[in-house]
Amino acid sequence: MNRTAIEAAFVQVLLLARETGLLRLGVVSIDGTKIDADASKYRSLRYDRIRALREQLAVDIAELMEQAERADATDTDLQALPEELTRRETLKAKLDEASAPLEADAKAQAGAARPAYEKKKAAYDAKTGRRGRAPKPPDDEPPPGRQISLTDPDSRLMRRSDAHEFRQAYNAQAVVCAEGSQLIVTTGVVATSADAPSFVDTVLSMEDTIGLPETVLADTGYASGQAVRDLRKKGIDPLVAIGRPCPRRPYDFRPPPEDREPRRVTEPWRLAMKDRLETTEAGDLYRLRKQTVEPVFGIIKSIMGFRRFNLRGLAKVTTEWTLVALAYNCKRMARLHAA
């Protein structure tokens, strides 16, 4: 797939829409949707299970090699032996390949955390009484529960909410014009269920193409103080919803959750954002988010029928999502011109 050509065509369509007056970049909405990867969730393994399988396969391969050597020494013809050996070696190589990025990532994180650990360890050793628990050194092994897919290692198990099932998927991001056109102005794909870590990068990706918006509307999944500060430095005014407990249905089939105290809003930026969204002007503006970006995902999935990626790997999936957004924008512009 020609990524450069697809991205260039995507930008050219947006520039054409702006020249014809269909696109304005005052207010935009951002949201993400989970789209299935071209991989089964049943081919996703925990790291501790991968490690156990690798050890078992190493033992089995060694035993088969010994059997092969004995067969050669006695001129015994074991036709099934090479096939069994090849199958196990192939599976072990696949497990080694899948675990390599997990182990590399864990070592990188441990290396980044080691200076802070050394500082805490020195302060702890300098104490005369040495009360309290000694700082724990960073672990360069992946967490046992960390999972990775053997089919598409870049994809992840994620779900839309606590009420939905886990699926092997990607988190596809879209920024949509909220001033009438509902055109997708930029896209992104991340391999995490959380939206907040990619908030700034997704919005600022517009800077070198069609320019930055004045205001961006985002739901509570994008609530990040650092992201809000970074966007404001670029002259963008973010309106981000502050989370609140969702009421349960009176006859919900699911068992009730454990009683927990509702989360208290204490951070100054959250309090300021909450107060601002309660004003009439900001509240009316924020209501545009749901009626602009969410229908776009509905059209892509229900009308265009795109519910699953056909390619594998984050880079290829990102290009495929851009192509889908390009097709949507062409379809949308045709309707706007007809209207």
C-alpha atoms as a PDB file:
ATOM      1  CA  MET A   1       0.000   0.000   0.000  1.00  0.00           C
ATOM      2  CA  ASN A   2       1.431   3.405  -1.060  1.00  0.00           C
ATOM      3  CA  ARG A   3       1.343   5.305   2.220  1.00  0.00           C
ATOM      4  CA  THR A   4       2.812   8.517   0.808  1.00  0.00           C
ATOM      5  CA  ALA A   5       0.258   8.743  -2.009  1.00  0.00           C
ATOM      6  CA  ILE A   6      -2.685   8.012   0.309  1.00  0.00           C
ATOM      7  CA  GLU A   7      -1.626  10.650   2.840  1.00  0.00           C
ATOM      8  CA  ALA A   8      -1.052  13.201   0.059  1.00  0.00           C
ATOM      9  CA  ALA A   9      -4.491  12.507  -1.430  1.00  0.00           C
ATOM     10  CA  PHE A  10      -6.081  12.837   2.017  1.00  0.00           C
ATOM     11  CA  VAL A  11      -4.532  16.278   2.491  1.00  0.00           C
ATOM     12  CA  GLN A  12      -5.412  17.420  -1.059  1.00  0.00           C
ATOM     13  CA  VAL A  13      -9.087  16.584  -0.510  1.00  0.00           C
ATOM     14  CA  LEU A  14      -9.096  18.662   2.674  1.00  0.00           C
ATOM     15  CA  LEU A  15      -7.391  21.595   0.954  1.00  0.00           C
ATOM     16  CA  LEU A  16      -9.979  21.425  -1.823  1.00  0.00           C
ATOM     17  CA  ALA A  17     -12.768  21.400   0.753  1.00  0.00           C
ATOM     18  CA  ARG A  18     -11.300  24.474   2.424  1.00  0.00           C
ATOM     19  CA  GLU A  19     -10.947  26.338  -0.880  1.00  0.00           C
ATOM     20  CA  THR A  20     -14.595  25.638  -1.758  1.00  0.00           C
ATOM     21  CA  GLY A  21     -15.753  26.822   1.676  1.00  0.00           C
ATOM     22  CA  LEU A  22     -16.937  23.414   2.876  1.00  0.00           C
ATOM     23  CA  LEU A  23     -14.299  23.097   5.587  1.00  0.00           C
ATOM     24  CA  ARG A  24     -13.664  25.429   8.507  1.00  0.00           C
ATOM     25  CA  LEU A  25     -11.168  24.743  11.272  1.00  0.00           C
ATOM     26  CA  GLY A  26     -12.576  26.776  14.130  1.00  0.00           C
ATOM     27  CA  VAL A  27     -13.994  23.907  16.214  1.00  0.00           C
ATOM     28  CA  VAL A  28     -13.151  20.208  15.858  1.00  0.00           C
ATOM     29  CA  SER A  29     -14.169  17.081  17.761  1.00  0.00           C
ATOM     30  CA  ILE A  30     -11.933  14.118  18.570  1.00  0.00           C
ATOM     31  CA  ASP A  31     -12.822  10.568  19.490  1.00  0.00           C
ATOM     32  CA  GLY A  32     -11.567   7.020  19.124  1.00  0.00           C
ATOM     33  CA  THR A  33     -13.217   3.753  18.180  1.00  0.00           C
ATOM     34  CA  LYS A  34     -12.068   0.165  18.594  1.00  0.00           C
ATOM     35  CA  ILE A  35     -11.714  -1.648  15.261  1.00  0.00           C
ATOM     36  CA  ASP A  36     -10.909  -5.341  15.091  1.00  0.00           C
ATOM     37  CA  ALA A  37      -7.431  -6.370  14.007  1.00  0.00           C
ATOM     38  CA  ASP A  38      -6.837  -9.082  11.435  1.00  0.00           C
ATOM     39  CA  ALA A  39      -6.081 -11.489  14.268  1.00  0.00           C
ATOM     40  CA  SER A  40      -7.975 -13.756  16.619  1.00  0.00           C
ATOM     41  CA  LYS A  41      -7.916 -12.988  20.326  1.00  0.00           C
ATOM     42  CA  TYR A  42      -7.379 -16.706  20.930  1.00  0.00           C
ATOM     43  CA  ARG A  43      -3.906 -16.350  19.408  1.00  0.00           C
ATOM     44  CA  SER A  44      -2.985 -13.852  22.116  1.00  0.00           C
ATOM     45  CA  LEU A  45      -0.721 -15.201  24.880  1.00  0.00           C
ATOM     46  CA  ARG A  46       0.450 -13.985  28.265  1.00  0.00           C
ATOM     47  CA  TYR A  47       4.182 -13.494  28.654  1.00  0.00           C
ATOM     48  CA  ASP A  48       4.442 -16.069  31.444  1.00  0.00           C
ATOM     49  CA  ARG A  49       2.746 -18.626  29.175  1.00  0.00           C
ATOM     50  CA  ILE A  50       5.084 -17.731  26.294  1.00  0.00           C
ATOM     51  CA  ARG A  51       8.096 -18.271  28.547  1.00  0.00           C
ATOM     52  CA  ALA A  52       6.782 -21.653  29.744  1.00  0.00           C
ATOM     53  CA  LEU A  53       6.092 -22.777  26.165  1.00  0.00           C
ATOM     54  CA  ARG A  54       9.548 -21.699  25.012  1.00  0.00           C
ATOM     55  CA  GLU A  55      11.173 -23.727  27.789  1.00  0.00           C
ATOM     56  CA  GLN A  56       9.048 -26.782  26.992  1.00  0.00           C
ATOM     57  CA  LEU A  57       9.747 -26.492  23.265  1.00  0.00           C
ATOM     58  CA  ALA A  58      13.495 -26.224  23.929  1.00  0.00           C
ATOM     59  CA  VAL A  59      13.347 -29.508  25.879  1.00  0.00           C
ATOM     60  CA  ASP A  60      11.234 -31.207  23.200  1.00  0.00           C
ATOM     61  CA  ILE A  61      13.516 -30.034  20.385  1.00  0.00           C
ATOM     62  CA  ALA A  62      16.570 -31.331  22.253  1.00  0.00           C
ATOM     63  CA  GLU A  63      14.886 -34.730  22.725  1.00  0.00           C
ATOM     64  CA  LEU A  64      13.931 -34.920  19.049  1.00  0.00           C
ATOM     65  CA  MET A  65      17.491 -34.039  18.062  1.00  0.00           C
ATOM     66  CA  GLU A  66      18.770 -36.897  20.230  1.00  0.00           C
ATOM     67  CA  GLN A  67      16.256 -39.247  18.603  1.00  0.00           C
ATOM     68  CA  ALA A  68      17.442 -38.108  15.181  1.00  0.00           C
ATOM     69  CA  GLU A  69      21.076 -38.743  16.097  1.00  0.00           C
ATOM     70  CA  ARG A  70      20.223 -42.229  17.392  1.00  0.00           C
ATOM     71  CA  ALA A  71      18.259 -42.934  14.211  1.00  0.00           C
ATOM     72  CA  ASP A  72      21.251 -41.908  12.079  1.00  0.00           C
ATOM     73  CA  ALA A  73      23.579 -44.123  14.125  1.00  0.00           C
ATOM     74  CA  THR A  74      21.335 -47.186  13.747  1.00  0.00           C
ATOM     75  CA  ASP A  75      20.180 -46.473  10.172  1.00  0.00           C
ATOM     76  CA  THR A  76      16.592 -46.267  11.429  1.00  0.00           C
ATOM     77  CA  ASP A  77      14.184 -44.445   9.098  1.00  0.00           C
ATOM     78  CA  LEU A  78      11.945 -42.136  11.182  1.00  0.00           C
ATOM     79  CA  GLN A  79      10.009 -40.220   8.531  1.00  0.00           C
ATOM     80  CA  ALA A  80       7.830 -38.313  10.997  1.00  0.00           C
ATOM     81  CA  LEU A  81      10.793 -37.022  12.984  1.00  0.00           C
ATOM     82  CA  PRO A  82      11.893 -34.158  10.655  1.00  0.00           C
ATOM     83  CA  GLU A  83       8.292 -32.917  10.379  1.00  0.00           C
ATOM     84  CA  GLU A  84       7.794 -32.907  14.165  1.00  0.00           C
ATOM     85  CA  LEU A  85      11.132 -31.182  14.674  1.00  0.00           C
ATOM     86  CA  THR A  86      10.394 -28.522  12.060  1.00  0.00           C
ATOM     87  CA  ARG A  87       6.952 -27.826  13.530  1.00  0.00           C
ATOM     88  CA  ARG A  88       8.344 -27.295  17.014  1.00  0.00           C
ATOM     89  CA  GLU A  89      11.245 -25.170  15.805  1.00  0.00           C
ATOM     90  CA  THR A  90       8.823 -22.995  13.809  1.00  0.00           C
ATOM     91  CA  LEU A  91       6.570 -22.485  16.829  1.00  0.00           C
ATOM     92  CA  LYS A  92       9.526 -21.660  19.085  1.00  0.00           C
ATOM     93  CA  ALA A  93      10.823 -19.141  16.534  1.00  0.00           C
ATOM     94  CA  LYS A  94       7.398 -17.515  16.422  1.00  0.00           C
ATOM     95  CA  LEU A  95       7.275 -17.317  20.227  1.00  0.00           C
ATOM     96  CA  ASP A  96      10.805 -15.877  20.313  1.00  0.00           C
ATOM     97  CA  GLU A  97       9.818 -13.248  17.750  1.00  0.00           C
ATOM     98  CA  ALA A  98       6.651 -12.337  19.664  1.00  0.00           C
ATOM     99  CA  SER A  99       8.396 -12.027  23.029  1.00  0.00           C
ATOM    100  CA  ALA A 100      11.361 -10.002  21.720  1.00  0.00           C
ATOM    101  CA  PRO A 101       9.555  -6.611  21.609  1.00  0.00           C
ATOM    102  CA  LEU A 102       8.084  -7.219  25.076  1.00  0.00           C
ATOM    103  CA  GLU A 103      11.503  -7.960  26.532  1.00  0.00           C
ATOM    104  CA  ALA A 104      13.126  -5.021  24.726  1.00  0.00           C
ATOM    105  CA  ASP A 105      10.407  -2.661  25.955  1.00  0.00           C
ATOM    106  CA  ALA A 106      10.761  -3.916  29.542  1.00  0.00           C
ATOM    107  CA  LYS A 107      14.533  -3.420  29.455  1.00  0.00           C
ATOM    108  CA  ALA A 108      14.129   0.082  28.029  1.00  0.00           C
ATOM    109  CA  GLN A 109      11.650   1.038  30.751  1.00  0.00           C
ATOM    110  CA  ALA A 110      13.910  -0.438  33.432  1.00  0.00           C
ATOM    111  CA  GLY A 111      16.865   1.517  32.069  1.00  0.00           C
ATOM    112  CA  ALA A 112      14.859   4.742  32.079  1.00  0.00           C
ATOM    113  CA  ALA A 113      13.697   4.137  35.659  1.00  0.00           C
ATOM    114  CA  ARG A 114      17.117   3.150  37.025  1.00  0.00           C
ATOM    115  CA  PRO A 115      18.466   6.711  37.677  1.00  0.00           C
ATOM    116  CA  ALA A 116      15.433   7.483  39.853  1.00  0.00           C
ATOM    117  CA  TYR A 117      15.886   4.164  41.657  1.00  0.00           C
ATOM    118  CA  GLU A 118      19.586   4.833  42.291  1.00  0.00           C
ATOM    119  CA  LYS A 119      18.702   8.219  43.747  1.00  0.00           C
ATOM    120  CA  LYS A 120      16.068   6.734  46.069  1.00  0.00           C
ATOM    121  CA  LYS A 121      18.425   3.884  47.016  1.00  0.00           C
ATOM    122  CA  ALA A 122      21.209   6.335  47.913  1.00  0.00           C
ATOM    123  CA  ALA A 123      18.805   8.378  50.054  1.00  0.00           C
ATOM    124  CA  TYR A 124      17.586   5.206  51.779  1.00  0.00           C
ATOM    125  CA  ASP A 125      21.135   3.966  52.441  1.00  0.00           C
ATOM    126  CA  ALA A 126      22.054   7.355  53.893  1.00  0.00           C
ATOM    127  CA  LYS A 127      19.394   7.053  56.578  1.00  0.00           C
ATOM    128  CA  THR A 128      20.774   6.117  60.005  1.00  0.00           C
ATOM    129  CA  GLY A 129      17.743   4.158  61.212  1.00  0.00           C
ATOM    130  CA  ARG A 130      16.769   2.809  57.788  1.00  0.00           C
ATOM    131  CA  ARG A 131      13.084   2.695  58.651  1.00  0.00           C
ATOM    132  CA  GLY A 132      10.554   1.933  55.999  1.00  0.00           C
ATOM    133  CA  ARG A 133      10.722  -0.299  52.969  1.00  0.00           C
ATOM    134  CA  ALA A 134      13.771  -0.226  50.738  1.00  0.00           C
ATOM    135  CA  PRO A 135      13.104   0.980  47.172  1.00  0.00           C
ATOM    136  CA  LYS A 136      12.499  -1.830  44.719  1.00  0.00           C
ATOM    137  CA  PRO A 137      14.853  -1.988  41.739  1.00  0.00           C
ATOM    138  CA  PRO A 138      13.202  -1.743  38.306  1.00  0.00           C
ATOM    139  CA  ASP A 139      12.382  -5.098  36.769  1.00  0.00           C
ATOM    140  CA  ASP A 140      13.755  -5.684  33.285  1.00  0.00           C
ATOM    141  CA  GLU A 141      11.380  -8.614  32.722  1.00  0.00           C
ATOM    142  CA  PRO A 142       7.943  -8.024  31.144  1.00  0.00           C
ATOM    143  CA  PRO A 143       4.986  -8.374  33.529  1.00  0.00           C
ATOM    144  CA  PRO A 144       3.704 -11.975  33.582  1.00  0.00           C
ATOM    145  CA  GLY A 145       0.229 -10.844  32.532  1.00  0.00           C
ATOM    146  CA  ARG A 146       1.403  -8.804  29.546  1.00  0.00           C
ATOM    147  CA  GLN A 147      -0.211 -10.241  26.422  1.00  0.00           C
ATOM    148  CA  ILE A 148       0.825 -10.240  22.799  1.00  0.00           C
ATOM    149  CA  SER A 149      -0.729 -11.662  19.660  1.00  0.00           C
ATOM    150  CA  LEU A 150       1.203 -14.229  17.632  1.00  0.00           C
ATOM    151  CA  THR A 151      -0.681 -13.156  14.495  1.00  0.00           C
ATOM    152  CA  ASP A 152      -0.408  -9.359  14.790  1.00  0.00           C
ATOM    153  CA  PRO A 153       1.969  -8.423  17.642  1.00  0.00           C
ATOM    154  CA  ASP A 154       1.136  -4.706  17.350  1.00  0.00           C
ATOM    155  CA  SER A 155      -2.568  -5.233  18.134  1.00  0.00           C
ATOM    156  CA  ARG A 156      -3.909  -5.480  21.675  1.00  0.00           C
ATOM    157  CA  LEU A 157      -6.779  -6.972  23.615  1.00  0.00           C
ATOM    158  CA  MET A 158      -9.142  -4.079  24.353  1.00  0.00           C
ATOM    159  CA  ARG A 159     -12.820  -3.389  24.859  1.00  0.00           C
ATOM    160  CA  ARG A 160     -15.123  -0.421  24.484  1.00  0.00           C
ATOM    161  CA  SER A 161     -16.170  -0.402  28.147  1.00  0.00           C
ATOM    162  CA  ASP A 162     -16.596  -2.665  31.167  1.00  0.00           C
ATOM    163  CA  ALA A 163     -19.865  -3.896  29.659  1.00  0.00           C
ATOM    164  CA  HIS A 164     -18.262  -5.174  26.447  1.00  0.00           C
ATOM    165  CA  GLU A 165     -16.109  -8.167  25.612  1.00  0.00           C
ATOM    166  CA  PHE A 166     -12.385  -8.074  24.944  1.00  0.00           C
ATOM    167  CA  ARG A 167     -11.401  -8.145  21.271  1.00  0.00           C
ATOM    168  CA  GLN A 168      -8.090  -8.118  19.421  1.00  0.00           C
ATOM    169  CA  ALA A 169      -8.192  -4.601  18.077  1.00  0.00           C
ATOM    170  CA  TYR A 170      -6.655  -1.210  17.437  1.00  0.00           C
ATOM    171  CA  ASN A 171      -7.839   2.171  18.711  1.00  0.00           C
ATOM    172  CA  ALA A 172      -8.573   4.284  15.621  1.00  0.00           C
ATOM    173  CA  GLN A 173      -8.602   8.048  16.237  1.00  0.00           C
ATOM    174  CA  ALA A 174     -10.348  10.717  14.173  1.00  0.00           C
ATOM    175  CA  VAL A 175     -10.613  14.487  14.416  1.00  0.00           C
ATOM    176  CA  VAL A 176     -13.777  15.816  12.745  1.00  0.00           C
ATOM    177  CA  CYS A 177     -14.839  19.309  11.727  1.00  0.00           C
ATOM    178  CA  ALA A 178     -17.613  20.396  14.101  1.00  0.00           C
ATOM    179  CA  GLU A 179     -18.719  23.414  12.056  1.00  0.00           C
ATOM    180  CA  GLY A 180     -21.076  21.737   9.641  1.00  0.00           C
ATOM    181  CA  SER A 181     -19.028  19.654   7.214  1.00  0.00           C
ATOM    182  CA  GLN A 182     -18.239  16.647   9.476  1.00  0.00           C
ATOM    183  CA  LEU A 183     -15.135  15.987   7.393  1.00  0.00           C
ATOM    184  CA  ILE A 184     -12.307  14.031   9.017  1.00  0.00           C
ATOM    185  CA  VAL A 185      -9.395  16.457   9.248  1.00  0.00           C
ATOM    186  CA  THR A 186      -6.773  14.080  10.680  1.00  0.00           C
ATOM    187  CA  THR A 187      -6.468  10.490  11.807  1.00  0.00           C
ATOM    188  CA  GLY A 188      -4.310   8.255  13.955  1.00  0.00           C
ATOM    189  CA  VAL A 189      -4.128   4.703  15.237  1.00  0.00           C
ATOM    190  CA  VAL A 190      -2.769   3.591  18.612  1.00  0.00           C
ATOM    191  CA  ALA A 191      -2.329   0.158  20.124  1.00  0.00           C
ATOM    192  CA  THR A 192      -3.741   1.136  23.527  1.00  0.00           C
ATOM    193  CA  SER A 193      -7.326   1.292  24.708  1.00  0.00           C
ATOM    194  CA  ALA A 194      -6.674   4.650  26.395  1.00  0.00           C
ATOM    195  CA  ASP A 195      -7.229   7.801  24.321  1.00  0.00           C
ATOM    196  CA  ALA A 196      -5.386  10.362  26.453  1.00  0.00           C
ATOM    197  CA  PRO A 197      -1.768   9.380  25.610  1.00  0.00           C
ATOM    198  CA  SER A 198      -2.290  10.139  21.913  1.00  0.00           C
ATOM    199  CA  PHE A 199      -4.440  13.269  22.380  1.00  0.00           C
ATOM    200  CA  VAL A 200      -1.756  15.885  21.721  1.00  0.00           C
ATOM    201  CA  ASP A 201       0.031  14.039  18.912  1.00  0.00           C
ATOM    202  CA  THR A 202      -3.204  13.406  17.005  1.00  0.00           C
ATOM    203  CA  VAL A 203      -4.357  17.023  17.141  1.00  0.00           C
ATOM    204  CA  LEU A 204      -0.937  18.519  16.384  1.00  0.00           C
ATOM    205  CA  SER A 205      -0.510  16.252  13.353  1.00  0.00           C
ATOM    206  CA  MET A 206      -2.699  18.796  11.522  1.00  0.00           C
ATOM    207  CA  GLU A 207      -0.145  21.563  11.981  1.00  0.00           C
ATOM    208  CA  ASP A 208       1.943  20.778   8.900  1.00  0.00           C
ATOM    209  CA  THR A 209      -1.010  19.982   6.620  1.00  0.00           C
ATOM    210  CA  ILE A 210      -4.119  22.153   6.956  1.00  0.00           C
ATOM    211  CA  GLY A 211      -3.304  24.058  10.149  1.00  0.00           C
ATOM    212  CA  LEU A 212      -4.414  23.894  13.756  1.00  0.00           C
ATOM    213  CA  PRO A 213      -7.976  24.420  15.034  1.00  0.00           C
ATOM    214  CA  GLU A 214      -9.031  27.023  17.557  1.00  0.00           C
ATOM    215  CA  THR A 215     -11.021  24.686  19.825  1.00  0.00           C
ATOM    216  CA  VAL A 216     -11.020  20.901  20.246  1.00  0.00           C
ATOM    217  CA  LEU A 217     -13.870  19.012  21.943  1.00  0.00           C
ATOM    218  CA  ALA A 218     -13.008  15.741  23.704  1.00  0.00           C
ATOM    219  CA  ASP A 219     -14.757  13.329  26.053  1.00  0.00           C
ATOM    220  CA  THR A 220     -13.544  12.240  29.474  1.00  0.00           C
ATOM    221  CA  GLY A 221     -11.216   9.612  28.001  1.00  0.00           C
ATOM    222  CA  TYR A 222      -8.908  12.444  26.897  1.00  0.00           C
ATOM    223  CA  ALA A 223      -8.794  14.123  30.311  1.00  0.00           C
ATOM    224  CA  SER A 224      -5.112  14.841  30.902  1.00  0.00           C
ATOM    225  CA  GLY A 225      -3.703  17.928  32.550  1.00  0.00           C
ATOM    226  CA  GLN A 226      -0.439  17.724  30.619  1.00  0.00           C
ATOM    227  CA  ALA A 227      -2.298  17.365  27.307  1.00  0.00           C
ATOM    228  CA  VAL A 228      -4.464  20.396  28.084  1.00  0.00           C
ATOM    229  CA  ARG A 229      -1.389  22.463  28.893  1.00  0.00           C
ATOM    230  CA  ASP A 230       0.462  21.336  25.751  1.00  0.00           C
ATOM    231  CA  LEU A 231      -2.483  22.198  23.502  1.00  0.00           C
ATOM    232  CA  ARG A 232      -2.918  25.624  25.094  1.00  0.00           C
ATOM    233  CA  LYS A 233       0.745  26.358  24.421  1.00  0.00           C
ATOM    234  CA  LYS A 234      -0.076  25.878  20.738  1.00  0.00           C
ATOM    235  CA  GLY A 235      -2.988  28.305  20.936  1.00  0.00           C
ATOM    236  CA  ILE A 236      -5.656  25.569  20.986  1.00  0.00           C
ATOM    237  CA  ASP A 237      -8.496  25.764  23.484  1.00  0.00           C
ATOM    238  CA  PRO A 238      -9.420  22.217  24.647  1.00  0.00           C
ATOM    239  CA  LEU A 239     -12.872  21.530  26.093  1.00  0.00           C
ATOM    240  CA  VAL A 240     -12.569  18.163  27.836  1.00  0.00           C
ATOM    241  CA  ALA A 241     -15.346  16.488  29.797  1.00  0.00           C
ATOM    242  CA  ILE A 242     -14.593  15.686  33.423  1.00  0.00           C
ATOM    243  CA  GLY A 243     -15.631  12.152  34.401  1.00  0.00           C
ATOM    244  CA  ARG A 244     -18.661  11.524  36.529  1.00  0.00           C
ATOM    245  CA  PRO A 245     -20.260   8.255  37.689  1.00  0.00           C
ATOM    246  CA  CYS A 246     -22.713   6.769  35.199  1.00  0.00           C
ATOM    247  CA  PRO A 247     -26.127   5.784  36.609  1.00  0.00           C
ATOM    248  CA  ARG A 248     -26.987   2.089  36.406  1.00  0.00           C
ATOM    249  CA  ARG A 249     -30.187   0.816  34.869  1.00  0.00           C
ATOM    250  CA  PRO A 250     -32.789  -0.159  37.494  1.00  0.00           C
ATOM    251  CA  TYR A 251     -32.950  -3.775  36.232  1.00  0.00           C
ATOM    252  CA  ASP A 252     -29.431  -4.324  34.956  1.00  0.00           C
ATOM    253  CA  PHE A 253     -28.650  -7.968  34.130  1.00  0.00           C
ATOM    254  CA  ARG A 254     -25.071  -7.538  35.319  1.00  0.00           C
ATOM    255  CA  PRO A 255     -24.255  -7.946  39.037  1.00  0.00           C
ATOM    256  CA  PRO A 256     -23.851  -4.659  40.901  1.00  0.00           C
ATOM    257  CA  PRO A 257     -20.284  -3.404  41.322  1.00  0.00           C
ATOM    258  CA  GLU A 258     -18.579  -3.163  44.657  1.00  0.00           C
ATOM    259  CA  ASP A 259     -19.515  -0.119  46.684  1.00  0.00           C
ATOM    260  CA  ARG A 260     -16.845   2.482  46.204  1.00  0.00           C
ATOM    261  CA  GLU A 261     -16.684   6.134  47.026  1.00  0.00           C
ATOM    262  CA  PRO A 262     -17.103   8.309  43.923  1.00  0.00           C
ATOM    263  CA  ARG A 263     -13.869   9.798  42.706  1.00  0.00           C
ATOM    264  CA  ARG A 264     -13.309  13.279  44.067  1.00  0.00           C
ATOM    265  CA  VAL A 265     -12.284  15.993  41.645  1.00  0.00           C
ATOM    266  CA  THR A 266      -9.377  17.809  43.294  1.00  0.00           C
ATOM    267  CA  GLU A 267      -6.932  18.806  40.556  1.00  0.00           C
ATOM    268  CA  PRO A 268      -7.168  22.558  39.849  1.00  0.00           C
ATOM    269  CA  TRP A 269      -7.348  22.170  36.061  1.00  0.00           C
ATOM    270  CA  ARG A 270     -10.196  19.647  36.389  1.00  0.00           C
ATOM    271  CA  LEU A 271     -12.127  21.935  38.717  1.00  0.00           C
ATOM    272  CA  ALA A 272     -11.618  24.868  36.342  1.00  0.00           C
ATOM    273  CA  MET A 273     -12.682  22.793  33.330  1.00  0.00           C
ATOM    274  CA  LYS A 274     -15.735  21.471  35.181  1.00  0.00           C
ATOM    275  CA  ASP A 275     -16.837  24.993  36.132  1.00  0.00           C
ATOM    276  CA  ARG A 276     -16.315  26.200  32.586  1.00  0.00           C
ATOM    277  CA  LEU A 277     -18.362  23.382  31.047  1.00  0.00           C
ATOM    278  CA  GLU A 278     -21.240  24.272  33.353  1.00  0.00           C
ATOM    279  CA  THR A 279     -21.522  27.679  31.704  1.00  0.00           C
ATOM    280  CA  THR A 280     -24.076  28.041  28.921  1.00  0.00           C
ATOM    281  CA  GLU A 281     -21.634  29.034  26.185  1.00  0.00           C
ATOM    282  CA  ALA A 282     -19.120  26.229  26.799  1.00  0.00           C
ATOM    283  CA  GLY A 283     -21.855  23.686  27.457  1.00  0.00           C
ATOM    284  CA  ASP A 284     -23.624  24.440  24.171  1.00  0.00           C
ATOM    285  CA  LEU A 285     -20.324  24.250  22.301  1.00  0.00           C
ATOM    286  CA  TYR A 286     -19.342  20.951  23.912  1.00  0.00           C
ATOM    287  CA  ARG A 287     -22.636  19.339  22.921  1.00  0.00           C
ATOM    288  CA  LEU A 288     -21.442  19.517  19.311  1.00  0.00           C
ATOM    289  CA  ARG A 289     -18.947  16.744  20.046  1.00  0.00           C
ATOM    290  CA  LYS A 290     -21.445  13.895  20.268  1.00  0.00           C
ATOM    291  CA  GLN A 291     -23.391  14.959  17.187  1.00  0.00           C
ATOM    292  CA  THR A 292     -20.327  15.461  14.974  1.00  0.00           C
ATOM    293  CA  VAL A 293     -17.649  12.828  15.567  1.00  0.00           C
ATOM    294  CA  GLU A 294     -19.713   9.844  16.734  1.00  0.00           C
ATOM    295  CA  PRO A 295     -21.964   9.774  13.617  1.00  0.00           C
ATOM    296  CA  VAL A 296     -18.799   9.574  11.497  1.00  0.00           C
ATOM    297  CA  PHE A 297     -17.843   6.277  13.140  1.00  0.00           C
ATOM    298  CA  GLY A 298     -21.404   5.043  12.654  1.00  0.00           C
ATOM    299  CA  ILE A 299     -21.264   5.795   8.916  1.00  0.00           C
ATOM    300  CA  ILE A 300     -17.853   4.155   8.509  1.00  0.00           C
ATOM    301  CA  LYS A 301     -18.908   0.993  10.317  1.00  0.00           C
ATOM    302  CA  SER A 302     -22.574   0.626   9.326  1.00  0.00           C
ATOM    303  CA  ILE A 303     -22.830   2.312   5.910  1.00  0.00           C
ATOM    304  CA  MET A 304     -19.330   1.742   4.534  1.00  0.00           C
ATOM    305  CA  GLY A 305     -19.074  -1.620   6.293  1.00  0.00           C
ATOM    306  CA  PHE A 306     -15.549  -1.117   7.647  1.00  0.00           C
ATOM    307  CA  ARG A 307     -15.399  -3.007  10.946  1.00  0.00           C
ATOM    308  CA  ARG A 308     -12.111  -4.870  10.643  1.00  0.00           C
ATOM    309  CA  PHE A 309      -8.628  -4.025   9.405  1.00  0.00           C
ATOM    310  CA  ASN A 310      -7.346  -6.101   6.509  1.00  0.00           C
ATOM    311  CA  LEU A 311      -3.644  -5.415   7.115  1.00  0.00           C
ATOM    312  CA  ARG A 312      -1.369  -6.249  10.031  1.00  0.00           C
ATOM    313  CA  GLY A 313       1.122  -4.111  11.897  1.00  0.00           C
ATOM    314  CA  LEU A 314       0.639  -0.608  13.299  1.00  0.00           C
ATOM    315  CA  ALA A 315       2.228   1.195  10.327  1.00  0.00           C
ATOM    316  CA  LYS A 316       0.111  -0.610   7.718  1.00  0.00           C
ATOM    317  CA  VAL A 317      -3.049  -0.307   9.809  1.00  0.00           C
ATOM    318  CA  THR A 318      -2.471   3.445  10.163  1.00  0.00           C
ATOM    319  CA  THR A 319      -2.275   3.769   6.382  1.00  0.00           C
ATOM    320  CA  GLU A 320      -5.414   1.670   5.943  1.00  0.00           C
ATOM    321  CA  TRP A 321      -7.306   3.910   8.406  1.00  0.00           C
ATOM    322  CA  THR A 322      -6.177   6.987   6.462  1.00  0.00           C
ATOM    323  CA  LEU A 323      -7.492   5.368   3.276  1.00  0.00           C
ATOM    324  CA  VAL A 324     -10.854   4.711   4.958  1.00  0.00           C
ATOM    325  CA  ALA A 325     -10.996   8.347   6.114  1.00  0.00           C
ATOM    326  CA  LEU A 326     -10.165   9.492   2.567  1.00  0.00           C
ATOM    327  CA  ALA A 327     -13.039   7.394   1.182  1.00  0.00           C
ATOM    328  CA  TYR A 328     -15.385   8.819   3.812  1.00  0.00           C
ATOM    329  CA  ASN A 329     -14.351  12.405   3.027  1.00  0.00           C
ATOM    330  CA  CYS A 330     -14.918  11.891  -0.712  1.00  0.00           C
ATOM    331  CA  LYS A 331     -18.345  10.455  -0.004  1.00  0.00           C
ATOM    332  CA  ARG A 332     -19.158  13.298   2.388  1.00  0.00           C
ATOM    333  CA  MET A 333     -18.004  16.019  -0.015  1.00  0.00           C
ATOM    334  CA  ALA A 334     -20.155  14.579  -2.769  1.00  0.00           C
ATOM    335  CA  ARG A 335     -23.199  14.828  -0.493  1.00  0.00           C
ATOM    336  CA  LEU A 336     -22.322  18.366   0.590  1.00  0.00           C
ATOM    337  CA  HIS A 337     -21.932  19.523  -3.018  1.00  0.00           C
ATOM    338  CA  ALA A 338     -25.244  17.910  -3.933  1.00  0.00           C
ATOM    339  CA  ALA A 339     -26.929  19.679  -1.055  1.00  0.00           C
END
